[in-house]
């Protein structure tokens, strides 16, 4: 069974916002920093059949169709969409870490790049 990547992404974003809102009150009281679970873990918690996120296969064209959002795609296109949506966005701290890593390399390693 294939899950609709766009609908799953929306559900994960909705769940992330809900977790952030729930954690805001605790964060202010105790001074903790919120870190959302990884996309994969949040995706595992979603019940796909209950939400109607399962795509149907059209045997004539070999395309999958999402009855919820109307996505019409081949297996490869679904895989590409899923990859693009689940990629982690680079944050400012990631860029700073990359720069620090580059700075700490030897001059010889820098010239090879």
PDB file of N, CA and C in Angstrom:
ATOM      1  N   UNK A   1       0.839  -1.191   0.000  1.00  0.00           N
ATOM      2  CA  UNK A   1       0.000   0.000   0.000  1.00  0.00           C
ATOM      3  C   UNK A   1       0.878   1.246   0.000  1.00  0.00           C
ATOM      4  N   UNK A   2       0.468   2.219  -0.744  1.00  0.00           N
ATOM      5  CA  UNK A   2       1.223   3.463  -0.860  1.00  0.00           C
ATOM      6  C   UNK A   2       0.452   4.566  -0.140  1.00  0.00           C
ATOM      7  N   UNK A   3       1.179   5.342   0.660  1.00  0.00           N
ATOM      8  CA  UNK A   3       0.577   6.471   1.367  1.00  0.00           C
ATOM      9  C   UNK A   3       0.817   7.744   0.583  1.00  0.00           C
ATOM     10  N   UNK A   4      -0.155   8.638   0.573  1.00  0.00           N
ATOM     11  CA  UNK A   4      -0.015   9.905  -0.137  1.00  0.00           C
ATOM     12  C   UNK A   4       1.011  10.781   0.585  1.00  0.00           C
ATOM     13  N   UNK A   5       2.124  11.117  -0.053  1.00  0.00           N
ATOM     14  CA  UNK A   5       3.166  11.881   0.627  1.00  0.00           C
ATOM     15  C   UNK A   5       2.734  13.304   0.997  1.00  0.00           C
ATOM     16  N   UNK A   6       1.908  13.931   0.176  1.00  0.00           N
ATOM     17  CA  UNK A   6       1.480  15.298   0.459  1.00  0.00           C
ATOM     18  C   UNK A   6       0.550  15.341   1.668  1.00  0.00           C
ATOM     19  N   UNK A   7      -0.391  14.406   1.723  1.00  0.00           N
ATOM     20  CA  UNK A   7      -1.316  14.361   2.859  1.00  0.00           C
ATOM     21  C   UNK A   7      -0.580  14.001   4.149  1.00  0.00           C
ATOM     22  N   UNK A   8       0.375  13.070   4.052  1.00  0.00           N
ATOM     23  CA  UNK A   8       1.171  12.683   5.221  1.00  0.00           C
ATOM     24  C   UNK A   8       1.980  13.873   5.712  1.00  0.00           C
ATOM     25  N   UNK A   9       2.568  14.626   4.786  1.00  0.00           N
ATOM     26  CA  UNK A   9       3.350  15.802   5.159  1.00  0.00           C
ATOM     27  C   UNK A   9       2.494  16.835   5.882  1.00  0.00           C
ATOM     28  N   UNK A  10       1.274  17.040   5.389  1.00  0.00           N
ATOM     29  CA  UNK A  10       0.357  17.975   6.062  1.00  0.00           C
ATOM     30  C   UNK A  10       0.013  17.500   7.464  1.00  0.00           C
ATOM     31  N   UNK A  11      -0.234  16.202   7.620  1.00  0.00           N
ATOM     32  CA  UNK A  11      -0.569  15.644   8.936  1.00  0.00           C
ATOM     33  C   UNK A  11       0.605  15.760   9.896  1.00  0.00           C
ATOM     34  N   UNK A  12       1.820  15.526   9.397  1.00  0.00           N
ATOM     35  CA  UNK A  12       3.017  15.653  10.233  1.00  0.00           C
ATOM     36  C   UNK A  12       3.196  17.107  10.672  1.00  0.00           C
ATOM     37  N   UNK A  13       2.986  18.057   9.752  1.00  0.00           N
ATOM     38  CA  UNK A  13       3.101  19.479  10.093  1.00  0.00           C
ATOM     39  C   UNK A  13       2.052  19.868  11.128  1.00  0.00           C
ATOM     40  N   UNK A  14       0.842  19.352  10.976  1.00  0.00           N
ATOM     41  CA  UNK A  14      -0.224  19.646  11.934  1.00  0.00           C
ATOM     42  C   UNK A  14       0.131  19.088  13.313  1.00  0.00           C
ATOM     43  N   UNK A  15       0.662  17.863  13.336  1.00  0.00           N
ATOM     44  CA  UNK A  15       1.045  17.230  14.607  1.00  0.00           C
ATOM     45  C   UNK A  15       2.205  17.986  15.250  1.00  0.00           C
ATOM     46  N   UNK A  16       3.150  18.461  14.426  1.00  0.00           N
ATOM     47  CA  UNK A  16       4.293  19.220  14.952  1.00  0.00           C
ATOM     48  C   UNK A  16       3.827  20.533  15.596  1.00  0.00           C
ATOM     49  N   UNK A  17       2.893  21.230  14.933  1.00  0.00           N
ATOM     50  CA  UNK A  17       2.354  22.474  15.499  1.00  0.00           C
ATOM     51  C   UNK A  17       1.632  22.205  16.809  1.00  0.00           C
ATOM     52  N   UNK A  18       0.905  21.090  16.860  1.00  0.00           N
ATOM     53  CA  UNK A  18       0.195  20.728  18.080  1.00  0.00           C
ATOM     54  C   UNK A  18       1.187  20.440  19.208  1.00  0.00           C
ATOM     55  N   UNK A  19       2.262  19.700  18.910  1.00  0.00           N
ATOM     56  CA  UNK A  19       3.274  19.419  19.922  1.00  0.00           C
ATOM     57  C   UNK A  19       3.946  20.701  20.405  1.00  0.00           C
ATOM     58  N   UNK A  20       4.241  21.623  19.469  1.00  0.00           N
ATOM     59  CA  UNK A  20       4.854  22.894  19.846  1.00  0.00           C
ATOM     60  C   UNK A  20       3.935  23.703  20.750  1.00  0.00           C
ATOM     61  N   UNK A  21       2.645  23.728  20.428  1.00  0.00           N
ATOM     62  CA  UNK A  21       1.685  24.466  21.238  1.00  0.00           C
ATOM     63  C   UNK A  21       1.553  23.847  22.630  1.00  0.00           C
ATOM     64  N   UNK A  22       1.527  22.524  22.702  1.00  0.00           N
ATOM     65  CA  UNK A  22       1.437  21.842  23.992  1.00  0.00           C
ATOM     66  C   UNK A  22       2.673  22.087  24.839  1.00  0.00           C
ATOM     67  N   UNK A  23       3.816  22.168  24.186  1.00  0.00           N
ATOM     68  CA  UNK A  23       5.074  22.315  24.912  1.00  0.00           C
ATOM     69  C   UNK A  23       5.353  23.765  25.318  1.00  0.00           C
ATOM     70  N   UNK A  24       4.734  24.736  24.631  1.00  0.00           N
ATOM     71  CA  UNK A  24       4.992  26.161  24.915  1.00  0.00           C
ATOM     72  C   UNK A  24       4.779  26.503  26.379  1.00  0.00           C
ATOM     73  N   UNK A  25       3.669  26.053  26.947  1.00  0.00           N
ATOM     74  CA  UNK A  25       3.352  26.375  28.336  1.00  0.00           C
ATOM     75  C   UNK A  25       4.400  25.784  29.279  1.00  0.00           C
ATOM     76  N   UNK A  26       4.777  24.534  29.055  1.00  0.00           N
ATOM     77  CA  UNK A  26       5.780  23.898  29.900  1.00  0.00           C
ATOM     78  C   UNK A  26       7.136  24.564  29.729  1.00  0.00           C
ATOM     79  N   UNK A  27       7.457  24.947  28.507  1.00  0.00           N
ATOM     80  CA  UNK A  27       8.746  25.567  28.210  1.00  0.00           C
ATOM     81  C   UNK A  27       8.923  26.871  28.974  1.00  0.00           C
ATOM     82  N   UNK A  28       7.876  27.683  29.013  1.00  0.00           N
ATOM     83  CA  UNK A  28       7.957  28.967  29.688  1.00  0.00           C
ATOM     84  C   UNK A  28       8.120  28.788  31.192  1.00  0.00           C
ATOM     85  N   UNK A  29       7.483  27.782  31.762  1.00  0.00           N
ATOM     86  CA  UNK A  29       7.562  27.562  33.198  1.00  0.00           C
ATOM     87  C   UNK A  29       8.911  27.001  33.616  1.00  0.00           C
ATOM     88  N   UNK A  30       9.425  26.029  32.880  1.00  0.00           N
ATOM     89  CA  UNK A  30      10.615  25.313  33.317  1.00  0.00           C
ATOM     90  C   UNK A  30      11.891  25.710  32.575  1.00  0.00           C
ATOM     91  N   UNK A  31      11.787  26.479  31.513  1.00  0.00           N
ATOM     92  CA  UNK A  31      12.962  26.942  30.779  1.00  0.00           C
ATOM     93  C   UNK A  31      13.587  25.899  29.870  1.00  0.00           C
ATOM     94  N   UNK A  32      12.822  24.927  29.391  1.00  0.00           N
ATOM     95  CA  UNK A  32      13.329  23.916  28.479  1.00  0.00           C
ATOM     96  C   UNK A  32      13.199  24.394  27.040  1.00  0.00           C
ATOM     97  N   UNK A  33      14.016  23.805  26.168  1.00  0.00           N
ATOM     98  CA  UNK A  33      13.939  24.125  24.746  1.00  0.00           C
ATOM     99  C   UNK A  33      13.215  22.994  24.028  1.00  0.00           C
ATOM    100  N   UNK A  34      12.298  23.339  23.114  1.00  0.00           N
ATOM    101  CA  UNK A  34      11.519  22.332  22.394  1.00  0.00           C
ATOM    102  C   UNK A  34      12.290  21.808  21.194  1.00  0.00           C
ATOM    103  N   UNK A  35      12.353  20.491  21.070  1.00  0.00           N
ATOM    104  CA  UNK A  35      12.924  19.853  19.890  1.00  0.00           C
ATOM    105  C   UNK A  35      11.912  18.834  19.398  1.00  0.00           C
ATOM    106  N   UNK A  36      11.390  19.077  18.215  1.00  0.00           N
ATOM    107  CA  UNK A  36      10.381  18.186  17.646  1.00  0.00           C
ATOM    108  C   UNK A  36      11.028  16.861  17.260  1.00  0.00           C
ATOM    109  N   UNK A  37      10.276  15.771  17.386  1.00  0.00           N
ATOM    110  CA  UNK A  37      10.822  14.481  16.941  1.00  0.00           C
ATOM    111  C   UNK A  37      11.078  14.493  15.440  1.00  0.00           C
ATOM    112  N   UNK A  38      11.939  13.619  14.962  1.00  0.00           N
ATOM    113  CA  UNK A  38      12.217  13.566  13.523  1.00  0.00           C
ATOM    114  C   UNK A  38      10.968  13.222  12.710  1.00  0.00           C
ATOM    115  N   UNK A  39      10.997  13.603  11.462  1.00  0.00           N
ATOM    116  CA  UNK A  39       9.872  13.397  10.543  1.00  0.00           C
ATOM    117  C   UNK A  39       9.458  11.927  10.525  1.00  0.00           C
ATOM    118  N   UNK A  40      10.434  11.018  10.470  1.00  0.00           N
ATOM    119  CA  UNK A  40      10.166   9.589  10.379  1.00  0.00           C
ATOM    120  C   UNK A  40       9.371   9.096  11.588  1.00  0.00           C
ATOM    121  N   UNK A  41       9.756   9.538  12.787  1.00  0.00           N
ATOM    122  CA  UNK A  41       9.050   9.116  13.997  1.00  0.00           C
ATOM    123  C   UNK A  41       7.626   9.645  14.020  1.00  0.00           C
ATOM    124  N   UNK A  42       7.430  10.878  13.587  1.00  0.00           N
ATOM    125  CA  UNK A  42       6.092  11.452  13.570  1.00  0.00           C
ATOM    126  C   UNK A  42       5.232  10.753  12.520  1.00  0.00           C
ATOM    127  N   UNK A  43       5.853  10.354  11.428  1.00  0.00           N
ATOM    128  CA  UNK A  43       5.125   9.648  10.370  1.00  0.00           C
ATOM    129  C   UNK A  43       4.659   8.275  10.868  1.00  0.00           C
ATOM    130  N   UNK A  44       5.471   7.637  11.711  1.00  0.00           N
ATOM    131  CA  UNK A  44       5.120   6.316  12.234  1.00  0.00           C
ATOM    132  C   UNK A  44       3.911   6.361  13.167  1.00  0.00           C
ATOM    133  N   UNK A  45       3.662   7.499  13.801  1.00  0.00           N
ATOM    134  CA  UNK A  45       2.560   7.626  14.747  1.00  0.00           C
ATOM    135  C   UNK A  45       1.208   7.855  14.069  1.00  0.00           C
ATOM    136  N   UNK A  46       1.202   8.159  12.784  1.00  0.00           N
ATOM    137  CA  UNK A  46      -0.040   8.483  12.074  1.00  0.00           C
ATOM    138  C   UNK A  46      -0.721   7.204  11.599  1.00  0.00           C
ATOM    139  N   UNK A  47      -2.038   7.113  11.810  1.00  0.00           N
ATOM    140  CA  UNK A  47      -2.824   5.976  11.330  1.00  0.00           C
ATOM    141  C   UNK A  47      -3.337   6.328   9.930  1.00  0.00           C
ATOM    142  N   UNK A  48      -2.709   5.777   8.918  1.00  0.00           N
ATOM    143  CA  UNK A  48      -2.993   6.135   7.538  1.00  0.00           C
ATOM    144  C   UNK A  48      -4.398   5.725   7.091  1.00  0.00           C
ATOM    145  N   UNK A  49      -4.810   4.533   7.469  1.00  0.00           N
ATOM    146  CA  UNK A  49      -6.122   4.055   7.033  1.00  0.00           C
ATOM    147  C   UNK A  49      -7.250   4.859   7.648  1.00  0.00           C
ATOM    148  N   UNK A  50      -7.104   5.216   8.914  1.00  0.00           N
ATOM    149  CA  UNK A  50      -8.144   5.993   9.596  1.00  0.00           C
ATOM    150  C   UNK A  50      -8.317   7.366   8.963  1.00  0.00           C
ATOM    151  N   UNK A  51      -7.232   7.983   8.547  1.00  0.00           N
ATOM    152  CA  UNK A  51      -7.281   9.318   7.954  1.00  0.00           C
ATOM    153  C   UNK A  51      -7.532   9.284   6.442  1.00  0.00           C
ATOM    154  N   UNK A  52      -7.519   8.133   5.847  1.00  0.00           N
ATOM    155  CA  UNK A  52      -7.761   8.020   4.405  1.00  0.00           C
ATOM    156  C   UNK A  52      -6.573   8.458   3.571  1.00  0.00           C
ATOM    157  N   UNK A  53      -5.371   8.148   4.020  1.00  0.00           N
ATOM    158  CA  UNK A  53      -4.166   8.577   3.310  1.00  0.00           C
ATOM    159  C   UNK A  53      -3.614   7.505   2.371  1.00  0.00           C
ATOM    160  N   UNK A  54      -4.321   6.383   2.252  1.00  0.00           N
ATOM    161  CA  UNK A  54      -3.884   5.303   1.378  1.00  0.00           C
ATOM    162  C   UNK A  54      -4.294   5.635  -0.063  1.00  0.00           C
ATOM    163  N   UNK A  55      -3.343   5.483  -0.990  1.00  0.00           N
ATOM    164  CA  UNK A  55      -3.613   5.776  -2.399  1.00  0.00           C
ATOM    165  C   UNK A  55      -4.102   4.512  -3.105  1.00  0.00           C
ATOM    166  N   UNK A  56      -5.002   4.684  -4.052  1.00  0.00           N
ATOM    167  CA  UNK A  56      -5.544   3.576  -4.848  1.00  0.00           C
ATOM    168  C   UNK A  56      -4.772   3.482  -6.159  1.00  0.00           C
ATOM    169  N   UNK A  57      -4.569   2.263  -6.637  1.00  0.00           N
ATOM    170  CA  UNK A  57      -3.850   2.041  -7.881  1.00  0.00           C
ATOM    171  C   UNK A  57      -4.840   1.946  -9.040  1.00  0.00           C
ATOM    172  N   UNK A  58      -4.563   2.709 -10.102  1.00  0.00           N
ATOM    173  CA  UNK A  58      -5.329   2.603 -11.341  1.00  0.00           C
ATOM    174  C   UNK A  58      -4.581   1.603 -12.223  1.00  0.00           C
ATOM    175  N   UNK A  59      -5.099   0.365 -12.363  1.00  0.00           N
ATOM    176  CA  UNK A  59      -4.340  -0.661 -13.084  1.00  0.00           C
ATOM    177  C   UNK A  59      -4.130  -0.350 -14.569  1.00  0.00           C
ATOM    178  N   UNK A  60      -5.000   0.400 -15.180  1.00  0.00           N
ATOM    179  CA  UNK A  60      -4.863   0.706 -16.608  1.00  0.00           C
ATOM    180  C   UNK A  60      -3.661   1.602 -16.873  1.00  0.00           C
ATOM    181  N   UNK A  61      -3.448   2.596 -16.038  1.00  0.00           N
ATOM    182  CA  UNK A  61      -2.345   3.544 -16.257  1.00  0.00           C
ATOM    183  C   UNK A  61      -1.164   3.322 -15.316  1.00  0.00           C
ATOM    184  N   UNK A  62      -1.340   2.440 -14.321  1.00  0.00           N
ATOM    185  CA  UNK A  62      -0.312   2.173 -13.293  1.00  0.00           C
ATOM    186  C   UNK A  62       0.074   3.443 -12.541  1.00  0.00           C
ATOM    187  N   UNK A  63      -0.901   4.291 -12.286  1.00  0.00           N
ATOM    188  CA  UNK A  63      -0.724   5.495 -11.482  1.00  0.00           C
ATOM    189  C   UNK A  63      -1.483   5.320 -10.178  1.00  0.00           C
ATOM    190  N   UNK A  64      -0.993   5.978  -9.130  1.00  0.00           N
ATOM    191  CA  UNK A  64      -1.671   5.973  -7.844  1.00  0.00           C
ATOM    192  C   UNK A  64      -2.499   7.244  -7.729  1.00  0.00           C
ATOM    193  N   UNK A  65      -3.671   7.113  -7.117  1.00  0.00           N
ATOM    194  CA  UNK A  65      -4.580   8.247  -6.967  1.00  0.00           C
ATOM    195  C   UNK A  65      -4.931   8.400  -5.493  1.00  0.00           C
ATOM    196  N   UNK A  66      -4.773   9.624  -4.972  1.00  0.00           N
ATOM    197  CA  UNK A  66      -5.165   9.923  -3.593  1.00  0.00           C
ATOM    198  C   UNK A  66      -6.587  10.461  -3.624  1.00  0.00           C
ATOM    199  N   UNK A  67      -7.471   9.797  -2.909  1.00  0.00           N
ATOM    200  CA  UNK A  67      -8.864  10.237  -2.898  1.00  0.00           C
ATOM    201  C   UNK A  67      -9.065  11.465  -2.013  1.00  0.00           C
ATOM    202  N   UNK A  68      -8.092  11.751  -1.187  1.00  0.00           N
ATOM    203  CA  UNK A  68      -8.213  12.893  -0.283  1.00  0.00           C
ATOM    204  C   UNK A  68      -7.797  14.201  -0.956  1.00  0.00           C
ATOM    205  N   UNK A  69      -6.630  14.204  -1.619  1.00  0.00           N
ATOM    206  CA  UNK A  69      -6.131  15.455  -2.205  1.00  0.00           C
ATOM    207  C   UNK A  69      -6.111  15.434  -3.731  1.00  0.00           C
ATOM    208  N   UNK A  70      -6.293  14.249  -4.342  1.00  0.00           N
ATOM    209  CA  UNK A  70      -6.338  14.162  -5.793  1.00  0.00           C
ATOM    210  C   UNK A  70      -4.999  13.975  -6.471  1.00  0.00           C
ATOM    211  N   UNK A  71      -3.955  13.679  -5.723  1.00  0.00           N
ATOM    212  CA  UNK A  71      -2.636  13.456  -6.318  1.00  0.00           C
ATOM    213  C   UNK A  71      -2.697  12.252  -7.250  1.00  0.00           C
ATOM    214  N   UNK A  72      -2.158  12.401  -8.451  1.00  0.00           N
ATOM    215  CA  UNK A  72      -2.152  11.363  -9.477  1.00  0.00           C
ATOM    216  C   UNK A  72      -0.714  11.205  -9.931  1.00  0.00           C
ATOM    217  N   UNK A  73      -0.059  10.093  -9.527  1.00  0.00           N
ATOM    218  CA  UNK A  73       1.367   9.962  -9.805  1.00  0.00           C
ATOM    219  C   UNK A  73       1.775   8.501  -9.915  1.00  0.00           C
ATOM    220  N   UNK A  74       2.911   8.279 -10.598  1.00  0.00           N
ATOM    221  CA  UNK A  74       3.489   6.937 -10.673  1.00  0.00           C
ATOM    222  C   UNK A  74       4.216   6.649  -9.368  1.00  0.00           C
ATOM    223  N   UNK A  75       4.647   5.412  -9.216  1.00  0.00           N
ATOM    224  CA  UNK A  75       5.376   5.025  -8.000  1.00  0.00           C
ATOM    225  C   UNK A  75       6.655   5.856  -7.850  1.00  0.00           C
ATOM    226  N   UNK A  76       7.352   6.097  -8.944  1.00  0.00           N
ATOM    227  CA  UNK A  76       8.594   6.883  -8.896  1.00  0.00           C
ATOM    228  C   UNK A  76       8.312   8.328  -8.502  1.00  0.00           C
ATOM    229  N   UNK A  77       7.248   8.892  -9.038  1.00  0.00           N
ATOM    230  CA  UNK A  77       6.898  10.268  -8.696  1.00  0.00           C
ATOM    231  C   UNK A  77       6.507  10.379  -7.230  1.00  0.00           C
ATOM    232  N   UNK A  78       5.788   9.380  -6.719  1.00  0.00           N
ATOM    233  CA  UNK A  78       5.417   9.371  -5.300  1.00  0.00           C
ATOM    234  C   UNK A  78       6.675   9.311  -4.440  1.00  0.00           C
ATOM    235  N   UNK A  79       7.619   8.482  -4.849  1.00  0.00           N
ATOM    236  CA  UNK A  79       8.880   8.366  -4.118  1.00  0.00           C
ATOM    237  C   UNK A  79       9.654   9.689  -4.131  1.00  0.00           C
ATOM    238  N   UNK A  80       9.706  10.354  -5.279  1.00  0.00           N
ATOM    239  CA  UNK A  80      10.395  11.646  -5.380  1.00  0.00           C
ATOM    240  C   UNK A  80       9.731  12.707  -4.504  1.00  0.00           C
ATOM    241  N   UNK A  81       8.420  12.745  -4.510  1.00  0.00           N
ATOM    242  CA  UNK A  81       7.686  13.717  -3.686  1.00  0.00           C
ATOM    243  C   UNK A  81       7.950  13.452  -2.211  1.00  0.00           C
ATOM    244  N   UNK A  82       7.905  12.183  -1.828  1.00  0.00           N
ATOM    245  CA  UNK A  82       8.141  11.811  -0.428  1.00  0.00           C
ATOM    246  C   UNK A  82       9.537  12.244   0.012  1.00  0.00           C
ATOM    247  N   UNK A  83      10.538  12.035  -0.856  1.00  0.00           N
ATOM    248  CA  UNK A  83      11.912  12.415  -0.524  1.00  0.00           C
ATOM    249  C   UNK A  83      12.033  13.931  -0.343  1.00  0.00           C
ATOM    250  N   UNK A  84      11.448  14.687  -1.251  1.00  0.00           N
ATOM    251  CA  UNK A  84      11.532  16.150  -1.179  1.00  0.00           C
ATOM    252  C   UNK A  84      10.852  16.698   0.069  1.00  0.00           C
ATOM    253  N   UNK A  85       9.721  16.115   0.435  1.00  0.00           N
ATOM    254  CA  UNK A  85       8.980  16.612   1.582  1.00  0.00           C
ATOM    255  C   UNK A  85       9.615  16.222   2.913  1.00  0.00           C
ATOM    256  N   UNK A  86      10.308  15.088   2.943  1.00  0.00           N
ATOM    257  CA  UNK A  86      10.869  14.632   4.216  1.00  0.00           C
ATOM    258  C   UNK A  86      12.293  15.125   4.457  1.00  0.00           C
ATOM    259  N   UNK A  87      12.888  15.776   3.464  1.00  0.00           N
ATOM    260  CA  UNK A  87      14.239  16.305   3.646  1.00  0.00           C
ATOM    261  C   UNK A  87      14.256  17.346   4.743  1.00  0.00           C
ATOM    262  N   UNK A  88      15.293  17.327   5.516  1.00  0.00           N
ATOM    263  CA  UNK A  88      15.429  18.289   6.605  1.00  0.00           C
ATOM    264  C   UNK A  88      15.874  19.635   6.035  1.00  0.00           C
ATOM    265  N   UNK A  89      15.215  20.680   6.466  1.00  0.00           N
ATOM    266  CA  UNK A  89      15.620  22.016   6.052  1.00  0.00           C
ATOM    267  C   UNK A  89      16.844  22.424   6.852  1.00  0.00           C
ATOM    268  N   UNK A  90      17.812  23.047   6.191  1.00  0.00           N
ATOM    269  CA  UNK A  90      19.005  23.456   6.914  1.00  0.00           C
ATOM    270  C   UNK A  90      18.689  24.702   7.741  1.00  0.00           C
ATOM    271  N   UNK A  91      19.137  24.674   8.962  1.00  0.00           N
ATOM    272  CA  UNK A  91      18.900  25.784   9.873  1.00  0.00           C
ATOM    273  C   UNK A  91      20.171  26.608  10.002  1.00  0.00           C
ATOM    274  N   UNK A  92      20.069  27.701  10.722  1.00  0.00           N
ATOM    275  CA  UNK A  92      21.220  28.571  10.938  1.00  0.00           C
ATOM    276  C   UNK A  92      22.325  27.827  11.686  1.00  0.00           C
ATOM    277  N   UNK A  93      21.946  27.012  12.672  1.00  0.00           N
ATOM    278  CA  UNK A  93      22.958  26.268  13.436  1.00  0.00           C
ATOM    279  C   UNK A  93      23.657  25.228  12.556  1.00  0.00           C
ATOM    280  N   UNK A  94      22.934  24.644  11.595  1.00  0.00           N
ATOM    281  CA  UNK A  94      23.564  23.701  10.668  1.00  0.00           C
ATOM    282  C   UNK A  94      24.618  24.416   9.826  1.00  0.00           C
ATOM    283  N   UNK A  95      24.279  25.607   9.339  1.00  0.00           N
ATOM    284  CA  UNK A  95      25.228  26.370   8.526  1.00  0.00           C
ATOM    285  C   UNK A  95      26.453  26.776   9.350  1.00  0.00           C
ATOM    286  N   UNK A  96      26.225  27.150  10.609  1.00  0.00           N
ATOM    287  CA  UNK A  96      27.338  27.518  11.483  1.00  0.00           C
ATOM    288  C   UNK A  96      28.242  26.316  11.733  1.00  0.00           C
ATOM    289  N   UNK A  97      27.630  25.136  11.928  1.00  0.00           N
ATOM    290  CA  UNK A  97      28.412  23.926  12.146  1.00  0.00           C
ATOM    291  C   UNK A  97      29.227  23.594  10.904  1.00  0.00           C
ATOM    292  N   UNK A  98      28.634  23.733   9.719  1.00  0.00           N
ATOM    293  CA  UNK A  98      29.359  23.463   8.478  1.00  0.00           C
ATOM    294  C   UNK A  98      30.542  24.421   8.320  1.00  0.00           C
ATOM    295  N   UNK A  99      30.335  25.683   8.663  1.00  0.00           N
ATOM    296  CA  UNK A  99      31.420  26.662   8.565  1.00  0.00           C
ATOM    297  C   UNK A  99      32.530  26.324   9.557  1.00  0.00           C
ATOM    298  N   UNK A 100      32.146  25.960  10.781  1.00  0.00           N
ATOM    299  CA  UNK A 100      33.136  25.599  11.791  1.00  0.00           C
ATOM    300  C   UNK A 100      33.927  24.381  11.344  1.00  0.00           C
ATOM    301  N   UNK A 101      33.259  23.420  10.786  1.00  0.00           N
ATOM    302  CA  UNK A 101      33.914  22.215  10.276  1.00  0.00           C
ATOM    303  C   UNK A 101      34.902  22.584   9.169  1.00  0.00           C
ATOM    304  N   UNK A 102      34.487  23.455   8.256  1.00  0.00           N
ATOM    305  CA  UNK A 102      35.366  23.903   7.185  1.00  0.00           C
ATOM    306  C   UNK A 102      36.570  24.655   7.747  1.00  0.00           C
ATOM    307  N   UNK A 103      36.347  25.515   8.737  1.00  0.00           N
ATOM    308  CA  UNK A 103      37.410  26.345   9.322  1.00  0.00           C
ATOM    309  C   UNK A 103      38.469  25.484  10.003  1.00  0.00           C
ATOM    310  N   UNK A 104      38.049  24.400  10.595  1.00  0.00           N
ATOM    311  CA  UNK A 104      38.970  23.555  11.347  1.00  0.00           C
ATOM    312  C   UNK A 104      39.758  22.587  10.460  1.00  0.00           C
ATOM    313  N   UNK A 105      39.394  22.499   9.190  1.00  0.00           N
ATOM    314  CA  UNK A 105      40.148  21.640   8.281  1.00  0.00           C
ATOM    315  C   UNK A 105      41.511  22.258   7.999  1.00  0.00           C
ATOM    316  N   UNK A 106      42.442  21.428   7.591  1.00  0.00           N
ATOM    317  CA  UNK A 106      43.755  21.946   7.218  1.00  0.00           C
ATOM    318  C   UNK A 106      43.658  22.658   5.870  1.00  0.00           C
ATOM    319  N   UNK A 107      44.658  23.480   5.582  1.00  0.00           N
ATOM    320  CA  UNK A 107      44.661  24.243   4.333  1.00  0.00           C
ATOM    321  C   UNK A 107      44.689  23.301   3.133  1.00  0.00           C
ATOM    322  N   UNK A 108      45.379  22.202   3.261  1.00  0.00           N
ATOM    323  CA  UNK A 108      45.473  21.241   2.165  1.00  0.00           C
ATOM    324  C   UNK A 108      44.100  20.653   1.837  1.00  0.00           C
ATOM    325  N   UNK A 109      43.321  20.305   2.876  1.00  0.00           N
ATOM    326  CA  UNK A 109      41.975  19.755   2.664  1.00  0.00           C
ATOM    327  C   UNK A 109      41.051  20.791   2.021  1.00  0.00           C
ATOM    328  N   UNK A 110      41.195  22.054   2.409  1.00  0.00           N
ATOM    329  CA  UNK A 110      40.360  23.097   1.838  1.00  0.00           C
ATOM    330  C   UNK A 110      40.625  23.290   0.348  1.00  0.00           C
ATOM    331  N   UNK A 111      41.882  23.189  -0.046  1.00  0.00           N
ATOM    332  CA  UNK A 111      42.243  23.373  -1.456  1.00  0.00           C
ATOM    333  C   UNK A 111      41.763  22.216  -2.328  1.00  0.00           C
ATOM    334  N   UNK A 112      41.614  21.038  -1.737  1.00  0.00           N
ATOM    335  CA  UNK A 112      41.134  19.873  -2.493  1.00  0.00           C
ATOM    336  C   UNK A 112      39.672  20.009  -2.870  1.00  0.00           C
ATOM    337  N   UNK A 113      38.906  20.742  -2.088  1.00  0.00           N
ATOM    338  CA  UNK A 113      37.472  20.933  -2.380  1.00  0.00           C
ATOM    339  C   UNK A 113      37.345  21.864  -3.500  1.00  0.00           C
TER     340      UNK A 113
END
